Amino acid sequence: RGACVVIEAHKVVLRGLNIIKPGETENRALIKALAGVTGVQIKHCYVGCNNGPASSSAGAKWKTNGIWVQRGAEVEMQHTAFERVPGCGVLTHGRVLISKCTASGNGGDGFCAMGLRAKIKCKACVADDNATSGFSALDGGRVRARRGECLARNNEAAGLFCRGGGSSLAVEDSSAEGSKASGFWATDGAHMAVGGCTSSNNELHGYAAMTWAQLSATQECRGLQNAFAGCYIADKGFALMADGC
């Protein structure tokens, strides 16, 4: 009923594993990387729940995440899928490096960095059909996808989202499409920097900066066929758009 895998040593490698639970557990994650562990690698694995995302059961304190990386931990993930868990596919309070991973059909965000010391660096990752956002930086967390070629598709909230003072999301050559909210969305004092990105067919805006948030577009960015605005600024948000956007 707890976590399937608990990592409490340095330089642990998980390779080629299917880590599956039948549903909600009493723990915060199927995989836990405990505070301070470093050199952890997860490669070519599948992490998920058989019966799909669901709300936490009565009496359960947390929704179950695919992996929970605690503060001070460092984890590298490659070619790994996080699917259909009740919480986030990846939730980190530490530092993670993600390459060619997917987060699909989860009950929370696909990839989420939460807290002042949380950081996600990702490349060529896909977050689709999640119940909140695809990629998110919350409460001081940071998400980086430089030359990232990442895709957020058909998520129930934003495609890429950052919220709160100190939170930042910097992405290049990435796309958001089919979001129920805005494709790229910064709010509550967060900072989002985008370059060479495309935001299309979202149900609100292509790009949005709200409530003291800052949006910077450093290269050619496109907003195509969004239901409302290509770029939306409100509630003392601020946007700096380069030529060609």
C-alpha atoms as a PDB file:
ATOM      1  CA  ARG A   1       0.000   0.000   0.000  1.00  0.00           C
ATOM      2  CA  GLY A   2       3.034   2.261   0.160  1.00  0.00           C
ATOM      3  CA  ALA A   3       5.625   3.279  -2.427  1.00  0.00           C
ATOM      4  CA  CYS A   4       6.797   0.596  -4.834  1.00  0.00           C
ATOM      5  CA  VAL A   5      10.385   1.888  -4.807  1.00  0.00           C
ATOM      6  CA  VAL A   6      12.114   4.009  -2.151  1.00  0.00           C
ATOM      7  CA  ILE A   7      15.583   5.306  -3.050  1.00  0.00           C
ATOM      8  CA  GLU A   8      17.720   6.247  -0.056  1.00  0.00           C
ATOM      9  CA  ALA A   9      21.232   5.647  -1.435  1.00  0.00           C
ATOM     10  CA  HIS A  10      23.390   7.544  -3.903  1.00  0.00           C
ATOM     11  CA  LYS A  11      24.031   6.414  -7.500  1.00  0.00           C
ATOM     12  CA  VAL A  12      21.083   4.037  -7.744  1.00  0.00           C
ATOM     13  CA  VAL A  13      20.112   3.005 -11.304  1.00  0.00           C
ATOM     14  CA  LEU A  14      16.646   1.753 -12.275  1.00  0.00           C
ATOM     15  CA  ARG A  15      16.564   0.354 -15.800  1.00  0.00           C
ATOM     16  CA  GLY A  16      13.847  -1.397 -17.795  1.00  0.00           C
ATOM     17  CA  LEU A  17      11.325  -1.710 -14.947  1.00  0.00           C
ATOM     18  CA  ASN A  18       7.526  -1.676 -15.034  1.00  0.00           C
ATOM     19  CA  ILE A  19       6.416  -0.055 -11.780  1.00  0.00           C
ATOM     20  CA  ILE A  20       2.658  -0.431 -11.600  1.00  0.00           C
ATOM     21  CA  LYS A  21       0.062  -0.056  -8.873  1.00  0.00           C
ATOM     22  CA  PRO A  22      -3.590  -1.128  -9.160  1.00  0.00           C
ATOM     23  CA  GLY A  23      -4.755   2.301  -7.965  1.00  0.00           C
ATOM     24  CA  GLU A  24      -4.464   4.815  -5.118  1.00  0.00           C
ATOM     25  CA  THR A  25      -1.898   4.090  -2.402  1.00  0.00           C
ATOM     26  CA  GLU A  26      -1.427   5.510   1.053  1.00  0.00           C
ATOM     27  CA  ASN A  27       1.897   7.016   0.010  1.00  0.00           C
ATOM     28  CA  ARG A  28       2.780  10.127  -1.964  1.00  0.00           C
ATOM     29  CA  ALA A  29       4.440   8.324  -4.866  1.00  0.00           C
ATOM     30  CA  LEU A  30       5.155   5.043  -6.609  1.00  0.00           C
ATOM     31  CA  ILE A  31       8.851   6.031  -6.555  1.00  0.00           C
ATOM     32  CA  LYS A  32      10.351   8.175  -3.795  1.00  0.00           C
ATOM     33  CA  ALA A  33      13.848   9.659  -4.021  1.00  0.00           C
ATOM     34  CA  LEU A  34      14.584  10.664  -0.456  1.00  0.00           C
ATOM     35  CA  ALA A  35      16.083  13.998   0.544  1.00  0.00           C
ATOM     36  CA  GLY A  36      19.731  14.441  -0.363  1.00  0.00           C
ATOM     37  CA  VAL A  37      20.290  11.386  -2.567  1.00  0.00           C
ATOM     38  CA  THR A  38      22.325  12.131  -5.711  1.00  0.00           C
ATOM     39  CA  GLY A  39      23.430  10.329  -8.850  1.00  0.00           C
ATOM     40  CA  VAL A  40      20.095   8.507  -9.242  1.00  0.00           C
ATOM     41  CA  GLN A  41      19.243   7.386 -12.795  1.00  0.00           C
ATOM     42  CA  ILE A  42      15.942   6.050 -14.128  1.00  0.00           C
ATOM     43  CA  LYS A  43      16.056   4.739 -17.685  1.00  0.00           C
ATOM     44  CA  HIS A  44      13.592   2.977 -19.985  1.00  0.00           C
ATOM     45  CA  CYS A  45      10.983   2.452 -17.262  1.00  0.00           C
ATOM     46  CA  TYR A  46       7.187   2.573 -17.099  1.00  0.00           C
ATOM     47  CA  VAL A  47       5.500   4.040 -14.026  1.00  0.00           C
ATOM     48  CA  GLY A  48       1.727   4.040 -13.706  1.00  0.00           C
ATOM     49  CA  CYS A  49      -1.553   2.833 -12.221  1.00  0.00           C
ATOM     50  CA  ASN A  50      -3.720   0.223 -13.865  1.00  0.00           C
ATOM     51  CA  ASN A  51      -7.103   1.816 -13.273  1.00  0.00           C
ATOM     52  CA  GLY A  52      -6.198   5.377 -14.130  1.00  0.00           C
ATOM     53  CA  PRO A  53      -6.139   8.670 -12.228  1.00  0.00           C
ATOM     54  CA  ALA A  54      -8.642   9.185  -9.446  1.00  0.00           C
ATOM     55  CA  SER A  55      -9.222  11.502  -6.532  1.00  0.00           C
ATOM     56  CA  SER A  56      -7.580  10.538  -3.273  1.00  0.00           C
ATOM     57  CA  SER A  57      -9.714   8.106  -1.343  1.00  0.00           C
ATOM     58  CA  ALA A  58     -11.443   9.186   1.850  1.00  0.00           C
ATOM     59  CA  GLY A  59      -8.870   9.498   4.591  1.00  0.00           C
ATOM     60  CA  ALA A  60      -5.907   9.610   2.209  1.00  0.00           C
ATOM     61  CA  LYS A  61      -3.808  12.721   2.807  1.00  0.00           C
ATOM     62  CA  TRP A  62      -2.056  12.917  -0.590  1.00  0.00           C
ATOM     63  CA  LYS A  63      -2.677  11.984  -4.166  1.00  0.00           C
ATOM     64  CA  THR A  64      -0.196   9.439  -5.437  1.00  0.00           C
ATOM     65  CA  ASN A  65       2.459  10.808  -7.820  1.00  0.00           C
ATOM     66  CA  GLY A  66       4.513   8.798 -10.278  1.00  0.00           C
ATOM     67  CA  ILE A  67       7.797   9.923  -8.716  1.00  0.00           C
ATOM     68  CA  TRP A  68       8.377  12.287  -5.807  1.00  0.00           C
ATOM     69  CA  VAL A  69      11.873  13.774  -5.633  1.00  0.00           C
ATOM     70  CA  GLN A  70      12.450  15.285  -2.233  1.00  0.00           C
ATOM     71  CA  ARG A  71      14.400  18.436  -1.440  1.00  0.00           C
ATOM     72  CA  GLY A  72      18.117  18.171  -2.110  1.00  0.00           C
ATOM     73  CA  ALA A  73      17.791  14.990  -4.187  1.00  0.00           C
ATOM     74  CA  GLU A  74      19.097  14.827  -7.757  1.00  0.00           C
ATOM     75  CA  VAL A  75      17.616  12.433 -10.322  1.00  0.00           C
ATOM     76  CA  GLU A  76      18.202  11.910 -14.046  1.00  0.00           C
ATOM     77  CA  MET A  77      15.472  10.267 -16.137  1.00  0.00           C
ATOM     78  CA  GLN A  78      15.571   9.069 -19.739  1.00  0.00           C
ATOM     79  CA  HIS A  79      13.027   7.323 -21.973  1.00  0.00           C
ATOM     80  CA  THR A  80      10.589   6.802 -19.100  1.00  0.00           C
ATOM     81  CA  ALA A  81       6.786   7.053 -19.126  1.00  0.00           C
ATOM     82  CA  PHE A  82       4.625   8.253 -16.230  1.00  0.00           C
ATOM     83  CA  GLU A  83       0.993   7.426 -16.932  1.00  0.00           C
ATOM     84  CA  ARG A  84      -2.417   7.452 -15.290  1.00  0.00           C
ATOM     85  CA  VAL A  85      -1.396   8.152 -11.701  1.00  0.00           C
ATOM     86  CA  PRO A  86      -3.814  10.108  -9.464  1.00  0.00           C
ATOM     87  CA  GLY A  87      -1.330  12.941  -8.853  1.00  0.00           C
ATOM     88  CA  CYS A  88       1.521  14.377 -10.921  1.00  0.00           C
ATOM     89  CA  GLY A  89       3.576  12.208 -13.213  1.00  0.00           C
ATOM     90  CA  VAL A  90       6.754  13.826 -11.867  1.00  0.00           C
ATOM     91  CA  LEU A  91       6.724  16.000  -8.724  1.00  0.00           C
ATOM     92  CA  THR A  92      10.033  17.410  -7.562  1.00  0.00           C
ATOM     93  CA  HIS A  93      11.192  19.529  -4.656  1.00  0.00           C
ATOM     94  CA  GLY A  94      14.760  18.713  -5.711  1.00  0.00           C
ATOM     95  CA  ARG A  95      16.556  18.749  -9.057  1.00  0.00           C
ATOM     96  CA  VAL A  96      15.727  16.516 -12.007  1.00  0.00           C
ATOM     97  CA  LEU A  97      17.111  16.199 -15.521  1.00  0.00           C
ATOM     98  CA  ILE A  98      14.602  14.658 -17.934  1.00  0.00           C
ATOM     99  CA  SER A  99      15.190  13.562 -21.512  1.00  0.00           C
ATOM    100  CA  LYS A 100      12.712  11.942 -23.914  1.00  0.00           C
ATOM    101  CA  CYS A 101      10.174  11.157 -21.190  1.00  0.00           C
ATOM    102  CA  THR A 102       6.377  11.276 -21.305  1.00  0.00           C
ATOM    103  CA  ALA A 103       3.703  12.142 -18.735  1.00  0.00           C
ATOM    104  CA  SER A 104       0.239  11.199 -19.952  1.00  0.00           C
ATOM    105  CA  GLY A 105      -3.250  10.944 -18.505  1.00  0.00           C
ATOM    106  CA  ASN A 106      -2.265  11.819 -14.938  1.00  0.00           C
ATOM    107  CA  GLY A 107      -4.600  13.324 -12.352  1.00  0.00           C
ATOM    108  CA  GLY A 108      -2.297  16.301 -11.670  1.00  0.00           C
ATOM    109  CA  ASP A 109       0.431  18.005 -13.686  1.00  0.00           C
ATOM    110  CA  GLY A 110       2.617  16.056 -16.068  1.00  0.00           C
ATOM    111  CA  PHE A 111       5.944  17.485 -14.820  1.00  0.00           C
ATOM    112  CA  CYS A 112       5.933  19.794 -11.772  1.00  0.00           C
ATOM    113  CA  ALA A 113       8.739  21.655  -9.962  1.00  0.00           C
ATOM    114  CA  MET A 114       7.429  22.943  -6.630  1.00  0.00           C
ATOM    115  CA  GLY A 115       9.295  25.040  -4.083  1.00  0.00           C
ATOM    116  CA  LEU A 116      12.290  27.355  -3.971  1.00  0.00           C
ATOM    117  CA  ARG A 117      14.931  24.678  -4.553  1.00  0.00           C
ATOM    118  CA  ALA A 118      13.020  22.672  -7.125  1.00  0.00           C
ATOM    119  CA  LYS A 119      14.275  22.561 -10.703  1.00  0.00           C
ATOM    120  CA  ILE A 120      13.424  20.570 -13.812  1.00  0.00           C
ATOM    121  CA  LYS A 121      15.601  20.606 -16.915  1.00  0.00           C
ATOM    122  CA  CYS A 122      13.918  18.807 -19.774  1.00  0.00           C
ATOM    123  CA  LYS A 123      14.526  18.019 -23.418  1.00  0.00           C
ATOM    124  CA  ALA A 124      12.269  16.351 -25.975  1.00  0.00           C
ATOM    125  CA  CYS A 125       9.555  15.528 -23.421  1.00  0.00           C
ATOM    126  CA  VAL A 126       5.800  15.217 -23.961  1.00  0.00           C
ATOM    127  CA  ALA A 127       3.034  15.977 -21.451  1.00  0.00           C
ATOM    128  CA  ASP A 128      -0.449  15.212 -22.721  1.00  0.00           C
ATOM    129  CA  ASP A 129      -3.985  14.625 -21.468  1.00  0.00           C
ATOM    130  CA  ASN A 130      -3.153  15.520 -17.858  1.00  0.00           C
ATOM    131  CA  ALA A 131      -5.892  16.782 -15.524  1.00  0.00           C
ATOM    132  CA  THR A 132      -4.099  20.062 -14.760  1.00  0.00           C
ATOM    133  CA  SER A 133      -1.059  21.430 -16.653  1.00  0.00           C
ATOM    134  CA  GLY A 134       1.561  19.730 -18.772  1.00  0.00           C
ATOM    135  CA  PHE A 135       4.671  21.439 -17.333  1.00  0.00           C
ATOM    136  CA  SER A 136       4.500  23.643 -14.232  1.00  0.00           C
ATOM    137  CA  ALA A 137       6.761  25.707 -11.976  1.00  0.00           C
ATOM    138  CA  LEU A 138       5.067  26.551  -8.683  1.00  0.00           C
ATOM    139  CA  ASP A 139       5.902  28.446  -5.490  1.00  0.00           C
ATOM    140  CA  GLY A 140       9.465  29.285  -6.487  1.00  0.00           C
ATOM    141  CA  GLY A 141      10.125  26.232  -8.661  1.00  0.00           C
ATOM    142  CA  ARG A 142      11.944  26.451 -11.993  1.00  0.00           C
ATOM    143  CA  VAL A 143      11.475  24.629 -15.291  1.00  0.00           C
ATOM    144  CA  ARG A 144      14.061  24.898 -18.083  1.00  0.00           C
ATOM    145  CA  ALA A 145      13.788  23.565 -21.629  1.00  0.00           C
ATOM    146  CA  ARG A 146      16.520  25.336 -23.552  1.00  0.00           C
ATOM    147  CA  ARG A 147      16.439  24.008 -27.116  1.00  0.00           C
ATOM    148  CA  GLY A 148      13.903  21.767 -25.460  1.00  0.00           C
ATOM    149  CA  GLU A 149      11.618  20.597 -28.288  1.00  0.00           C
ATOM    150  CA  CYS A 150       9.004  19.745 -25.661  1.00  0.00           C
ATOM    151  CA  LEU A 151       5.283  19.379 -26.298  1.00  0.00           C
ATOM    152  CA  ALA A 152       2.287  20.020 -24.030  1.00  0.00           C
ATOM    153  CA  ARG A 153      -0.889  18.727 -25.643  1.00  0.00           C
ATOM    154  CA  ASN A 154      -4.553  18.483 -24.639  1.00  0.00           C
ATOM    155  CA  ASN A 155      -4.049  19.235 -20.945  1.00  0.00           C
ATOM    156  CA  GLU A 156      -7.042  20.289 -18.838  1.00  0.00           C
ATOM    157  CA  ALA A 157      -5.447  23.544 -17.606  1.00  0.00           C
ATOM    158  CA  ALA A 158      -2.433  25.279 -19.205  1.00  0.00           C
ATOM    159  CA  GLY A 159       0.109  23.638 -21.422  1.00  0.00           C
ATOM    160  CA  LEU A 160       3.046  25.294 -19.621  1.00  0.00           C
ATOM    161  CA  PHE A 161       2.324  27.149 -16.384  1.00  0.00           C
ATOM    162  CA  CYS A 162       4.253  29.092 -13.745  1.00  0.00           C
ATOM    163  CA  ARG A 163       2.834  30.656 -10.591  1.00  0.00           C
ATOM    164  CA  GLY A 164       4.204  32.623  -7.680  1.00  0.00           C
ATOM    165  CA  GLY A 165       7.082  34.985  -6.947  1.00  0.00           C
ATOM    166  CA  GLY A 166      10.423  33.353  -7.714  1.00  0.00           C
ATOM    167  CA  SER A 167       8.846  30.788 -10.028  1.00  0.00           C
ATOM    168  CA  SER A 168      10.197  30.735 -13.567  1.00  0.00           C
ATOM    169  CA  LEU A 169       9.752  28.779 -16.743  1.00  0.00           C
ATOM    170  CA  ALA A 170      12.166  29.215 -19.657  1.00  0.00           C
ATOM    171  CA  VAL A 171      11.536  27.233 -22.818  1.00  0.00           C
ATOM    172  CA  GLU A 172      12.744  27.250 -26.410  1.00  0.00           C
ATOM    173  CA  ASP A 173      11.513  25.521 -29.544  1.00  0.00           C
ATOM    174  CA  SER A 174       8.552  23.993 -27.716  1.00  0.00           C
ATOM    175  CA  SER A 175       4.807  23.842 -28.322  1.00  0.00           C
ATOM    176  CA  ALA A 176       1.501  23.956 -26.467  1.00  0.00           C
ATOM    177  CA  GLU A 177      -1.680  22.887 -28.191  1.00  0.00           C
ATOM    178  CA  GLY A 178      -5.234  21.991 -27.301  1.00  0.00           C
ATOM    179  CA  SER A 179      -5.082  23.270 -23.701  1.00  0.00           C
ATOM    180  CA  LYS A 180      -8.367  23.930 -21.892  1.00  0.00           C
ATOM    181  CA  ALA A 181      -6.807  27.193 -20.605  1.00  0.00           C
ATOM    182  CA  SER A 182      -3.897  29.130 -22.138  1.00  0.00           C
ATOM    183  CA  GLY A 183      -1.000  27.432 -23.852  1.00  0.00           C
ATOM    184  CA  PHE A 184       1.718  29.386 -21.978  1.00  0.00           C
ATOM    185  CA  TRP A 185       0.537  31.049 -18.748  1.00  0.00           C
ATOM    186  CA  ALA A 186       2.395  33.014 -16.049  1.00  0.00           C
ATOM    187  CA  THR A 187       0.642  34.450 -13.003  1.00  0.00           C
ATOM    188  CA  ASP A 188       1.093  35.785  -9.452  1.00  0.00           C
ATOM    189  CA  GLY A 189       4.523  37.325  -9.952  1.00  0.00           C
ATOM    190  CA  ALA A 190       6.114  34.473 -11.897  1.00  0.00           C
ATOM    191  CA  HIS A 191       8.434  34.949 -14.875  1.00  0.00           C
ATOM    192  CA  MET A 192       8.153  33.082 -18.169  1.00  0.00           C
ATOM    193  CA  ALA A 193      10.676  33.360 -21.015  1.00  0.00           C
ATOM    194  CA  VAL A 194       9.887  31.758 -24.359  1.00  0.00           C
ATOM    195  CA  GLY A 195      11.751  31.585 -27.641  1.00  0.00           C
ATOM    196  CA  GLY A 196      10.830  29.965 -30.929  1.00  0.00           C
ATOM    197  CA  CYS A 197       7.649  28.498 -29.416  1.00  0.00           C
ATOM    198  CA  THR A 198       4.204  27.841 -30.877  1.00  0.00           C
ATOM    199  CA  SER A 199       0.905  27.986 -28.988  1.00  0.00           C
ATOM    200  CA  SER A 200      -2.099  26.822 -30.961  1.00  0.00           C
ATOM    201  CA  ASN A 201      -5.723  25.724 -30.706  1.00  0.00           C
ATOM    202  CA  ASN A 202      -5.999  26.498 -27.000  1.00  0.00           C
ATOM    203  CA  GLU A 203      -9.391  27.285 -25.455  1.00  0.00           C
ATOM    204  CA  LEU A 204      -8.223  30.587 -23.936  1.00  0.00           C
ATOM    205  CA  HIS A 205      -5.052  32.381 -25.043  1.00  0.00           C
ATOM    206  CA  GLY A 206      -1.826  31.500 -26.744  1.00  0.00           C
ATOM    207  CA  TYR A 207       0.347  33.336 -24.181  1.00  0.00           C
ATOM    208  CA  ALA A 208      -0.865  34.984 -20.962  1.00  0.00           C
ATOM    209  CA  ALA A 209       0.741  37.095 -18.222  1.00  0.00           C
ATOM    210  CA  MET A 210      -1.507  37.965 -15.290  1.00  0.00           C
ATOM    211  CA  THR A 211      -1.267  39.403 -11.766  1.00  0.00           C
ATOM    212  CA  TRP A 212       2.231  40.938 -11.740  1.00  0.00           C
ATOM    213  CA  ALA A 213       3.705  38.149 -13.865  1.00  0.00           C
ATOM    214  CA  GLN A 214       6.255  38.824 -16.603  1.00  0.00           C
ATOM    215  CA  LEU A 215       6.345  37.228 -20.041  1.00  0.00           C
ATOM    216  CA  SER A 216       9.425  37.629 -22.258  1.00  0.00           C
ATOM    217  CA  ALA A 217       9.546  36.412 -25.830  1.00  0.00           C
ATOM    218  CA  THR A 218      13.164  36.460 -27.006  1.00  0.00           C
ATOM    219  CA  GLN A 219      12.769  34.935 -30.463  1.00  0.00           C
ATOM    220  CA  GLU A 220      10.033  34.383 -32.962  1.00  0.00           C
ATOM    221  CA  CYS A 221       6.979  32.954 -31.200  1.00  0.00           C
ATOM    222  CA  ARG A 222       3.614  32.186 -32.727  1.00  0.00           C
ATOM    223  CA  GLY A 223       0.061  32.068 -31.391  1.00  0.00           C
ATOM    224  CA  LEU A 224      -2.264  30.353 -33.839  1.00  0.00           C
ATOM    225  CA  GLN A 225      -6.004  29.698 -33.821  1.00  0.00           C
ATOM    226  CA  ASN A 226      -6.524  30.232 -30.104  1.00  0.00           C
ATOM    227  CA  ALA A 227     -10.090  30.860 -28.968  1.00  0.00           C
ATOM    228  CA  PHE A 228      -9.425  34.336 -27.538  1.00  0.00           C
ATOM    229  CA  ALA A 229      -6.139  36.262 -27.741  1.00  0.00           C
ATOM    230  CA  GLY A 230      -2.794  35.308 -29.152  1.00  0.00           C
ATOM    231  CA  CYS A 231      -1.198  37.181 -26.227  1.00  0.00           C
ATOM    232  CA  TYR A 232      -3.223  38.314 -23.209  1.00  0.00           C
ATOM    233  CA  ILE A 233      -1.975  40.718 -20.507  1.00  0.00           C
ATOM    234  CA  ALA A 234      -4.124  41.529 -17.459  1.00  0.00           C
ATOM    235  CA  ASP A 235      -4.062  42.491 -13.757  1.00  0.00           C
ATOM    236  CA  LYS A 236      -0.721  44.327 -13.958  1.00  0.00           C
ATOM    237  CA  GLY A 237       1.021  41.591 -15.893  1.00  0.00           C
ATOM    238  CA  PHE A 238       3.843  42.608 -18.234  1.00  0.00           C
ATOM    239  CA  ALA A 239       5.028  41.313 -21.584  1.00  0.00           C
ATOM    240  CA  LEU A 240       8.171  42.065 -23.581  1.00  0.00           C
ATOM    241  CA  MET A 241       7.838  40.715 -27.106  1.00  0.00           C
ATOM    242  CA  ALA A 242      10.760  40.653 -29.540  1.00  0.00           C
ATOM    243  CA  ASP A 243      10.471  41.468 -33.227  1.00  0.00           C
ATOM    244  CA  GLY A 244       8.980  38.668 -35.265  1.00  0.00           C
ATOM    245  CA  CYS A 245       6.464  37.475 -32.651  1.00  0.00           C
END
